[in-house]
Amino acid sequence: MFNKFLRENKIASYILTVLRLYLGYSWFTAGLGKLTSGGFDASGFLKGAIANPVKGPDGAIVFGWYVDFLKHFALPNVDLFNVIVPVGETLIGLGLILGCLTTTAMFFGLVMNFSFFLAGTVSHNPRDIFLGFIILTAGYNAGRIGLDRWVVPFFRKIGNKNTSPEKTKATV
């Protein structure tokens, strides 16, 4: 019932637009701040996450696999992450603000939120994850008051052309 409301209701699309704009502004300003400062370097954050991993009540490391990922992939490739993080945050923010490819932007926003969370950064991540799942669950309705109103039907039309019966018979 709640899913149907999120996915189909016109009032929900207005509520989702407010949530989308709020999260989009947060993502956009975070990314733009990193891009324009010229001094963003993720190595300190990565070293801190490796040195102080998330531990359970018994003192054991909870996400050992993630610490290994940070230690053996992210830190050696920090130059790549120094580009991916600010550009990704900025693009996620633009997608949410403009309502363009909203579910894709929110999916990648959630991936980044969970990455920060797994590294031990709580901050505003729980709130962003909660709101992000609402937007992701709403699907198309979250971007209906935005560019998705035109972009999604365009992509659906292209997708339907590629799966038309004539093309399917020709490829078999």
Protein backbone atom coordinates (compact mmCIF):
# COMPACT_ATOMS: atom_id res chain seq x y z
CA MET A 1 0.00 0.00 0.00
CA PHE A 2 2.78 2.43 0.92
CA ASN A 3 4.76 1.36 -2.15
CA LYS A 4 1.77 2.06 -4.36
CA PHE A 5 1.45 5.51 -2.78
CA LEU A 6 5.15 6.25 -3.37
CA ARG A 7 5.16 4.94 -6.92
CA GLU A 8 1.87 6.28 -8.26
CA ASN A 9 0.42 9.09 -6.16
CA LYS A 10 0.68 12.67 -7.42
CA ILE A 11 0.93 14.09 -3.88
CA ALA A 12 3.78 11.67 -3.22
CA SER A 13 5.60 13.05 -6.26
CA TYR A 14 5.57 16.51 -4.65
CA ILE A 15 6.83 15.15 -1.32
CA LEU A 16 9.49 13.15 -3.14
CA THR A 17 10.56 16.26 -5.03
CA VAL A 18 11.22 18.05 -1.74
CA LEU A 19 13.21 15.07 -0.42
CA ARG A 20 15.06 14.78 -3.73
CA LEU A 21 15.99 18.46 -3.76
CA TYR A 22 17.16 18.31 -0.15
CA LEU A 23 19.42 15.30 -0.75
CA GLY A 24 20.52 16.64 -4.12
CA TYR A 25 21.62 19.92 -2.59
CA SER A 26 23.58 18.06 0.09
CA TRP A 27 25.34 15.86 -2.47
CA PHE A 28 25.97 18.69 -4.91
CA THR A 29 27.46 21.09 -2.37
CA ALA A 30 29.64 18.34 -0.87
CA GLY A 31 31.01 17.41 -4.29
CA LEU A 32 31.37 20.94 -5.58
CA GLY A 33 33.20 21.98 -2.41
CA LYS A 34 35.71 19.19 -2.98
CA LEU A 35 36.09 20.05 -6.67
CA THR A 36 36.57 23.77 -6.19
CA SER A 37 38.87 23.57 -3.16
CA GLY A 38 41.47 21.84 -5.30
CA GLY A 39 42.86 20.14 -2.24
CA PHE A 40 40.67 17.08 -1.82
CA ASP A 41 42.70 14.05 -0.79
CA ALA A 42 40.97 10.89 0.40
CA SER A 43 44.18 9.28 1.69
CA GLY A 44 43.74 10.65 5.22
CA PHE A 45 40.19 9.35 5.42
CA LEU A 46 41.23 5.96 4.03
CA LYS A 47 44.17 5.65 6.44
CA GLY A 48 41.88 6.57 9.34
CA ALA A 49 39.27 4.01 8.30
CA ILE A 50 41.97 1.33 8.04
CA ALA A 51 43.59 2.26 11.38
CA ASN A 52 40.25 2.54 13.22
CA PRO A 53 37.87 0.03 11.65
CA VAL A 54 34.33 -0.54 12.84
CA LYS A 55 34.42 -2.91 15.81
CA GLY A 56 31.68 -4.87 17.49
CA PRO A 57 30.94 -5.00 21.22
CA ASP A 58 33.54 -7.75 21.64
CA GLY A 59 36.24 -5.58 20.03
CA ALA A 60 36.45 -7.69 16.86
CA ILE A 61 36.52 -5.96 13.46
CA VAL A 62 33.03 -6.15 11.96
CA PHE A 63 33.74 -5.42 8.28
CA GLY A 64 37.16 -7.00 7.78
CA TRP A 65 36.50 -7.51 4.09
CA TYR A 66 35.90 -3.77 3.68
CA VAL A 67 39.08 -2.87 5.57
CA ASP A 68 40.94 -5.23 3.20
CA PHE A 69 39.32 -3.47 0.22
CA LEU A 70 40.41 -0.08 1.56
CA LYS A 71 43.93 -1.28 2.37
CA HIS A 72 44.64 -3.27 -0.79
CA PHE A 73 42.63 -1.42 -3.45
CA ALA A 74 41.38 2.02 -2.40
CA LEU A 75 44.53 3.33 -0.72
CA PRO A 76 46.92 2.19 -3.48
CA ASN A 77 44.55 3.80 -6.02
CA VAL A 78 43.83 6.93 -3.99
CA ASP A 79 44.38 9.17 -7.03
CA LEU A 80 41.42 7.46 -8.70
CA PHE A 81 39.26 7.91 -5.59
CA ASN A 82 40.32 11.57 -5.37
CA VAL A 83 38.51 12.03 -8.70
CA ILE A 84 35.63 9.55 -8.31
CA VAL A 85 34.40 10.86 -4.94
CA PRO A 86 33.97 14.58 -5.74
CA VAL A 87 32.80 14.02 -9.32
CA GLY A 88 30.42 11.29 -8.16
CA GLU A 89 28.99 13.44 -5.36
CA THR A 90 28.49 16.34 -7.77
CA LEU A 91 26.80 14.18 -10.42
CA ILE A 92 24.56 12.51 -7.85
CA GLY A 93 23.54 15.95 -6.62
CA LEU A 94 22.83 17.21 -10.14
CA GLY A 95 20.80 14.11 -10.97
CA LEU A 96 18.68 14.53 -7.86
CA ILE A 97 18.25 18.30 -8.18
CA LEU A 98 17.29 18.11 -11.86
CA GLY A 99 15.27 14.93 -11.41
CA CYS A 100 17.27 13.36 -14.24
CA LEU A 101 17.99 9.63 -14.00
CA THR A 102 16.83 9.98 -10.41
CA THR A 103 16.83 6.30 -9.47
CA THR A 104 20.30 5.82 -10.96
CA ALA A 105 21.63 8.85 -9.10
CA MET A 106 20.04 7.65 -5.86
CA PHE A 107 21.40 4.13 -6.32
CA PHE A 108 24.95 5.46 -6.61
CA GLY A 109 24.28 7.86 -3.73
CA LEU A 110 23.33 4.88 -1.57
CA VAL A 111 26.45 3.01 -2.68
CA MET A 112 28.54 5.98 -1.53
CA ASN A 113 26.56 6.33 1.72
CA PHE A 114 27.10 2.67 2.54
CA SER A 115 30.79 2.99 1.66
CA PHE A 116 31.19 5.83 4.15
CA PHE A 117 29.11 3.90 6.70
CA LEU A 118 31.21 0.74 6.33
CA ALA A 119 34.32 2.87 6.86
CA GLY A 120 32.90 3.96 10.22
CA THR A 121 31.54 7.41 9.37
CA VAL A 122 28.09 7.81 10.87
CA SER A 123 27.41 11.55 10.52
CA HIS A 124 24.24 12.09 8.45
CA ASN A 125 24.53 8.76 6.59
CA PRO A 126 21.63 6.98 8.39
CA ARG A 127 19.26 9.83 7.50
CA ASP A 128 20.51 9.96 3.92
CA ILE A 129 20.19 6.18 3.55
CA PHE A 130 16.63 6.25 4.90
CA LEU A 131 15.57 9.07 2.56
CA GLY A 132 17.51 7.50 -0.31
CA PHE A 133 15.62 4.22 0.02
CA ILE A 134 12.32 6.11 -0.07
CA ILE A 135 13.39 7.83 -3.30
CA LEU A 136 14.73 4.60 -4.80
CA THR A 137 11.53 2.73 -3.89
CA ALA A 138 9.40 5.44 -5.50
CA GLY A 139 11.18 4.92 -8.82
CA TYR A 140 9.90 7.06 -11.67
CA ASN A 141 7.51 9.02 -9.43
CA ALA A 142 10.49 10.54 -7.59
CA GLY A 143 11.65 12.27 -10.78
CA ARG A 144 8.25 12.92 -12.34
CA ILE A 145 8.53 16.60 -11.39
CA GLY A 146 11.87 16.90 -13.12
CA LEU A 147 13.65 15.88 -16.29
CA ASP A 148 12.71 12.22 -15.80
CA ARG A 149 9.26 13.19 -17.10
CA TRP A 150 10.88 13.29 -20.57
CA VAL A 151 14.11 11.31 -20.16
CA VAL A 152 12.59 8.04 -18.87
CA PRO A 153 9.96 7.74 -21.66
CA PHE A 154 12.71 8.52 -24.20
CA PHE A 155 14.90 5.69 -22.89
CA ARG A 156 11.91 3.34 -22.71
CA LYS A 157 11.11 4.14 -26.32
CA ILE A 158 14.70 3.41 -27.37
CA GLY A 159 14.66 0.19 -25.35
CA ASN A 160 11.43 -0.93 -26.99
CA LYS A 161 12.89 -0.32 -30.47
CA ASN A 162 15.82 -2.61 -29.67
CA THR A 163 13.48 -5.41 -28.55
CA SER A 164 10.90 -5.18 -31.33
CA PRO A 165 9.73 -8.52 -32.80
CA GLU A 166 11.33 -7.74 -36.19
CA LYS A 167 14.78 -7.30 -34.61
CA THR A 168 14.35 -10.38 -32.45
CA LYS A 169 13.49 -12.55 -35.47
CA ALA A 170 16.39 -11.09 -37.46
CA THR A 171 18.94 -11.93 -34.74
CA VAL A 172 17.73 -15.50 -34.16
